[in-house]
């Protein structure tokens, strides 16, 4: 019996037939928190739905509902509302032996990117110097540092809230010797790194929408043997090459060259649209 059927069974005396039919099919868990998305017609019954979910999941401490989208320059949740249990938005989510601590009402965490975080950590080579632009709370930096023998990861994050938790997460996971956290604008900080003599084996540009305005600055990190760029964006499944051509146009204008090594479809993003990752090798001409 699935989640919705179990919930319907528990609530059949509390909700109408129409309301029962509108109950969510699934939920998201972060640490010991469950996050639901409710049909607007169910919002008047949110408390009883929340209390019922707590009874169904004894190990869960809190129930919240997600009433909005991811918005703004810092990609923050629009509205996460507490409905049952303990009202504590600070969660610790464990994934691939990495602990992520953060305030879920202020910081986005996409579990749909789980496989990509694991995969990227599996392809980084021993001794690499990595620059992680838009590092967030350490989505990519932490698993790479945990599972790879990197030389150093320079991780840049502008959002002060995300940066605060990123620094905490580095300490929680005992990765201080591998990660250098930097609070600032990527356009400025990558230039500072380059001018200080830092060149990267790999540059991670994991942010939505595709960070095309940052590419020219990021190219200053290319080393003499070439650099792999992890580049993300949204496109139709059969038009992923358009993301590469957009990137390639800037590379050529800046007197570099590049080739597409591989691409991956991370998840569906909308009708006929997909979250796509490109691995692009950039080298000096």
Protein backbone atom coordinates (compact mmCIF):
# COMPACT_ATOMS: atom_id res chain seq x y z
CA UNK A 1 0.00 0.00 0.00
CA UNK A 2 1.45 3.37 -1.05
CA UNK A 3 1.71 6.55 1.01
CA UNK A 4 -1.47 8.10 -0.37
CA UNK A 5 -3.55 4.96 0.26
CA UNK A 6 -2.25 4.68 3.82
CA UNK A 7 -2.98 8.35 4.45
CA UNK A 8 -6.49 7.98 3.00
CA UNK A 9 -7.16 5.03 5.28
CA UNK A 10 -6.10 7.03 8.34
CA UNK A 11 -8.11 10.11 7.36
CA UNK A 12 -11.28 8.58 5.91
CA UNK A 13 -13.34 9.72 8.88
CA UNK A 14 -11.87 13.26 8.83
CA UNK A 15 -11.92 14.21 5.14
CA UNK A 16 -14.54 14.17 2.40
CA UNK A 17 -14.20 11.87 -0.61
CA UNK A 18 -13.02 14.79 -2.72
CA UNK A 19 -10.42 15.79 -0.12
CA UNK A 20 -9.19 12.22 0.18
CA UNK A 21 -8.69 12.09 -3.58
CA UNK A 22 -6.52 15.24 -3.40
CA UNK A 23 -4.05 13.91 -0.81
CA UNK A 24 -0.40 13.90 -1.97
CA UNK A 25 1.08 10.75 -3.49
CA UNK A 26 4.46 11.29 -1.89
CA UNK A 27 6.65 13.50 0.28
CA UNK A 28 10.21 14.67 0.79
CA UNK A 29 12.30 13.82 3.84
CA UNK A 30 15.23 15.86 5.09
CA UNK A 31 16.77 14.41 8.21
CA UNK A 32 13.84 13.83 10.57
CA UNK A 33 11.53 16.23 8.75
CA UNK A 34 8.79 15.45 6.23
CA UNK A 35 7.83 18.11 3.68
CA UNK A 36 4.46 17.84 1.95
CA UNK A 37 2.97 19.65 -1.02
CA UNK A 38 -0.77 20.06 -0.46
CA UNK A 39 -3.50 20.92 -2.91
CA UNK A 40 -4.86 24.39 -1.97
CA UNK A 41 -8.24 22.78 -1.24
CA UNK A 42 -6.58 20.82 1.59
CA UNK A 43 -4.97 23.74 3.41
CA UNK A 44 -7.85 24.05 5.87
CA UNK A 45 -7.14 20.46 6.91
CA UNK A 46 -3.35 20.81 7.08
CA UNK A 47 -3.13 20.33 10.88
CA UNK A 48 -4.95 16.98 10.92
CA UNK A 49 -2.99 15.83 7.87
CA UNK A 50 0.27 16.79 9.59
CA UNK A 51 -0.61 15.06 12.86
CA UNK A 52 -1.63 11.94 10.97
CA UNK A 53 1.71 11.86 9.13
CA UNK A 54 3.52 12.09 12.47
CA UNK A 55 1.59 9.06 13.70
CA UNK A 56 2.44 7.16 10.52
CA UNK A 57 6.19 7.88 10.82
CA UNK A 58 7.34 7.46 14.45
CA UNK A 59 10.94 8.46 13.66
CA UNK A 60 9.89 11.76 12.07
CA UNK A 61 9.89 14.79 14.38
CA UNK A 62 8.37 17.52 12.21
CA UNK A 63 5.93 18.03 9.35
CA UNK A 64 6.12 21.08 7.08
CA UNK A 65 4.34 22.02 3.87
CA UNK A 66 5.93 23.62 0.82
CA UNK A 67 3.59 26.36 -0.43
CA UNK A 68 5.88 28.07 -2.91
CA UNK A 69 8.70 27.81 -5.42
CA UNK A 70 12.44 28.42 -5.42
CA UNK A 71 12.89 32.15 -5.99
CA UNK A 72 15.37 35.03 -6.01
CA UNK A 73 19.08 35.38 -6.71
CA UNK A 74 19.93 33.09 -3.80
CA UNK A 75 17.53 30.33 -4.99
CA UNK A 76 15.62 30.30 -1.69
CA UNK A 77 12.40 28.42 -0.87
CA UNK A 78 9.51 30.85 -1.18
CA UNK A 79 7.37 29.55 1.68
CA UNK A 80 7.92 26.50 3.90
CA UNK A 81 5.27 26.37 6.66
CA UNK A 82 5.37 24.33 9.88
CA UNK A 83 2.20 22.31 10.60
CA UNK A 84 2.94 19.55 13.15
CA UNK A 85 5.53 18.19 15.59
CA UNK A 86 8.61 20.20 16.56
CA UNK A 87 9.04 23.57 14.87
CA UNK A 88 12.77 23.38 14.17
CA UNK A 89 13.81 24.15 10.57
CA UNK A 90 17.50 23.31 11.13
CA UNK A 91 17.95 19.84 9.67
CA UNK A 92 20.85 17.43 9.26
CA UNK A 93 20.49 15.38 6.11
CA UNK A 94 22.92 12.51 5.48
CA UNK A 95 23.74 11.39 1.97
CA UNK A 96 26.68 9.31 0.67
CA UNK A 97 28.32 9.49 4.14
CA UNK A 98 28.17 13.29 4.06
CA UNK A 99 26.19 15.35 6.57
CA UNK A 100 24.51 18.52 5.29
CA UNK A 101 23.26 20.88 8.00
CA UNK A 102 21.07 23.81 6.95
CA UNK A 103 17.90 25.83 7.52
CA UNK A 104 15.41 24.26 5.14
CA UNK A 105 13.12 27.33 5.18
CA UNK A 106 15.91 29.51 3.78
CA UNK A 107 18.09 27.13 1.76
CA UNK A 108 17.17 24.90 -1.15
CA UNK A 109 18.18 21.26 -1.11
CA UNK A 110 17.30 19.18 -4.16
CA UNK A 111 17.25 15.45 -3.46
CA UNK A 112 16.65 14.97 -7.17
CA UNK A 113 20.34 15.79 -7.73
CA UNK A 114 21.49 12.95 -5.46
CA UNK A 115 22.92 10.79 -8.24
CA UNK A 116 24.78 13.70 -9.81
CA UNK A 117 26.44 14.57 -6.50
CA UNK A 118 27.51 10.95 -6.15
CA UNK A 119 28.66 10.65 -9.76
CA UNK A 120 30.76 13.81 -9.74
CA UNK A 121 32.57 12.63 -6.63
CA UNK A 122 33.35 9.36 -8.43
CA UNK A 123 35.07 10.95 -11.46
CA UNK A 124 37.32 13.49 -9.74
CA UNK A 125 40.91 12.26 -9.92
CA UNK A 126 43.51 12.09 -7.18
CA UNK A 127 45.54 15.27 -6.81
CA UNK A 128 43.05 17.53 -8.61
CA UNK A 129 42.62 21.19 -7.78
CA UNK A 130 38.90 21.96 -7.94
CA UNK A 131 37.13 25.32 -7.98
CA UNK A 132 33.48 25.04 -7.00
CA UNK A 133 31.58 28.14 -8.07
CA UNK A 134 28.14 28.63 -6.46
CA UNK A 135 29.07 26.12 -3.74
CA UNK A 136 25.95 26.61 -1.62
CA UNK A 137 26.15 24.59 1.58
CA UNK A 138 28.67 22.28 -0.05
CA UNK A 139 26.43 20.23 -2.35
CA UNK A 140 29.37 19.12 -4.51
CA UNK A 141 32.40 20.20 -2.49
CA UNK A 142 31.61 18.03 0.53
CA UNK A 143 31.17 14.66 -1.24
CA UNK A 144 34.20 15.31 -3.45
CA UNK A 145 36.35 16.13 -0.44
CA UNK A 146 34.93 13.15 1.48
CA UNK A 147 35.50 10.54 -1.20
CA UNK A 148 38.37 11.85 -3.36
CA UNK A 149 42.05 12.47 -2.71
CA UNK A 150 41.92 16.01 -4.06
CA UNK A 151 44.75 18.43 -3.50
CA UNK A 152 42.41 21.31 -2.66
CA UNK A 153 38.86 22.55 -3.31
CA UNK A 154 38.30 26.32 -3.49
CA UNK A 155 34.58 26.79 -2.89
CA UNK A 156 32.86 30.12 -3.55
CA UNK A 157 29.43 31.11 -2.21
CA UNK A 158 27.79 34.54 -2.16
CA UNK A 159 24.71 33.90 0.02
CA UNK A 160 25.74 34.60 3.64
CA UNK A 161 23.18 32.13 5.03
CA UNK A 162 24.41 29.30 2.81
CA UNK A 163 28.03 30.20 3.47
CA UNK A 164 27.48 30.08 7.25
CA UNK A 165 26.16 26.53 7.06
CA UNK A 166 28.82 25.54 4.51
CA UNK A 167 31.55 26.46 7.00
CA UNK A 168 29.70 24.44 9.66
CA UNK A 169 29.40 21.47 7.30
CA UNK A 170 33.12 21.49 6.56
CA UNK A 171 33.76 21.17 10.31
CA UNK A 172 31.01 18.59 10.89
CA UNK A 173 32.49 16.37 8.17
CA UNK A 174 36.12 17.04 9.26
CA UNK A 175 37.20 18.34 5.85
CA UNK A 176 39.05 21.49 6.87
CA UNK A 177 42.29 20.29 5.28
CA UNK A 178 40.71 19.88 1.84
CA UNK A 179 38.21 22.73 1.41
CA UNK A 180 38.90 26.46 1.34
CA UNK A 181 35.52 28.28 1.72
CA UNK A 182 35.25 31.73 0.14
CA UNK A 183 32.37 34.12 0.76
CA UNK A 184 31.97 36.37 -2.28
CA UNK A 185 30.87 36.92 -5.86
CA UNK A 186 32.20 34.25 -8.23
CA UNK A 187 32.99 36.83 -10.92
CA UNK A 188 35.35 38.56 -8.51
CA UNK A 189 36.70 35.59 -6.58
CA UNK A 190 37.75 33.43 -9.55
CA UNK A 191 39.85 36.32 -10.83
CA UNK A 192 41.48 36.66 -7.39
CA UNK A 193 42.25 32.93 -7.38
CA UNK A 194 43.72 33.06 -10.87
CA UNK A 195 45.83 36.11 -10.10
CA UNK A 196 47.15 34.37 -6.97
CA UNK A 197 48.43 31.54 -9.16
CA UNK A 198 45.57 29.05 -8.69
CA UNK A 199 44.71 27.06 -11.83
CA UNK A 200 42.11 24.31 -11.75
CA UNK A 201 41.88 20.77 -13.06
CA UNK A 202 38.12 21.03 -12.69
CA UNK A 203 35.67 23.94 -12.40
CA UNK A 204 32.15 23.26 -11.15
CA UNK A 205 29.45 25.66 -12.33
CA UNK A 206 26.42 24.00 -10.73
CA UNK A 207 23.69 26.64 -10.67
CA UNK A 208 20.40 27.45 -12.44
CA UNK A 209 19.84 28.96 -14.89
CA UNK A 210 22.98 28.24 -16.92
CA UNK A 211 25.62 30.68 -15.57
CA UNK A 212 26.62 31.95 -19.00
CA UNK A 213 27.61 35.40 -17.67
CA UNK A 214 30.31 33.79 -15.51
CA UNK A 215 32.04 31.71 -18.18
CA UNK A 216 34.55 34.30 -19.38
CA UNK A 217 35.82 34.92 -15.83
CA UNK A 218 35.94 31.18 -15.07
CA UNK A 219 38.19 30.62 -18.10
CA UNK A 220 41.01 32.42 -16.30
CA UNK A 221 41.31 29.26 -14.16
CA UNK A 222 42.22 27.01 -17.11
CA UNK A 223 45.61 25.37 -16.57
CA UNK A 224 48.24 24.48 -19.15
CA UNK A 225 47.02 20.89 -19.48
CA UNK A 226 43.37 21.85 -19.86
CA UNK A 227 40.47 22.01 -17.42
CA UNK A 228 37.18 20.13 -17.20
CA UNK A 229 34.10 22.32 -16.68
CA UNK A 230 30.97 20.94 -15.03
CA UNK A 231 28.29 23.11 -16.65
CA UNK A 232 24.56 22.94 -15.92
CA UNK A 233 21.48 24.25 -17.66
CA UNK A 234 17.96 23.57 -18.90
CA UNK A 235 17.05 22.51 -22.42
CA UNK A 236 14.91 20.15 -24.43
CA UNK A 237 16.30 16.63 -24.42
CA UNK A 238 17.38 16.67 -28.06
CA UNK A 239 18.76 20.21 -27.86
CA UNK A 240 21.39 19.81 -25.13
CA UNK A 241 24.00 20.70 -27.74
CA UNK A 242 22.63 24.26 -27.70
CA UNK A 243 23.99 24.64 -24.15
CA UNK A 244 27.41 23.56 -25.38
CA UNK A 245 27.35 25.90 -28.37
CA UNK A 246 26.46 28.81 -26.08
CA UNK A 247 29.46 27.93 -23.90
CA UNK A 248 31.72 27.32 -26.90
CA UNK A 249 30.96 30.74 -28.38
CA UNK A 250 32.41 32.46 -25.32
CA UNK A 251 35.38 30.08 -25.18
CA UNK A 252 36.34 30.92 -28.75
CA UNK A 253 35.87 34.64 -28.17
CA UNK A 254 38.30 34.43 -25.25
CA UNK A 255 40.88 32.62 -27.43
CA UNK A 256 40.45 29.17 -25.90
CA UNK A 257 39.15 25.95 -27.41
CA UNK A 258 36.90 23.23 -26.01
CA UNK A 259 35.21 19.92 -26.70
CA UNK A 260 32.18 18.22 -25.19
CA UNK A 261 33.25 15.12 -23.26
CA UNK A 262 29.85 13.91 -22.05
CA UNK A 263 26.34 14.97 -21.06
CA UNK A 264 23.78 13.74 -18.54
CA UNK A 265 20.06 14.25 -17.99
CA UNK A 266 19.67 14.78 -14.24
CA UNK A 267 15.88 15.10 -14.03
CA UNK A 268 12.80 16.49 -15.72
CA UNK A 269 12.46 20.24 -15.21
CA UNK A 270 9.16 20.91 -16.96
CA UNK A 271 7.19 19.98 -20.09
CA UNK A 272 9.82 18.75 -22.60
CA UNK A 273 12.56 20.37 -20.50
CA UNK A 274 15.41 18.68 -18.63
CA UNK A 275 18.06 19.60 -16.11
CA UNK A 276 21.22 18.81 -18.08
CA UNK A 277 24.88 18.56 -17.09
CA UNK A 278 27.71 18.94 -19.58
CA UNK A 279 31.33 17.93 -19.01
CA UNK A 280 33.37 20.26 -21.21
CA UNK A 281 37.15 20.09 -21.63
CA UNK A 282 38.68 23.54 -22.15
CA UNK A 283 42.26 24.12 -23.26
CA UNK A 284 44.49 26.94 -24.36
CA UNK A 285 45.12 27.35 -28.06
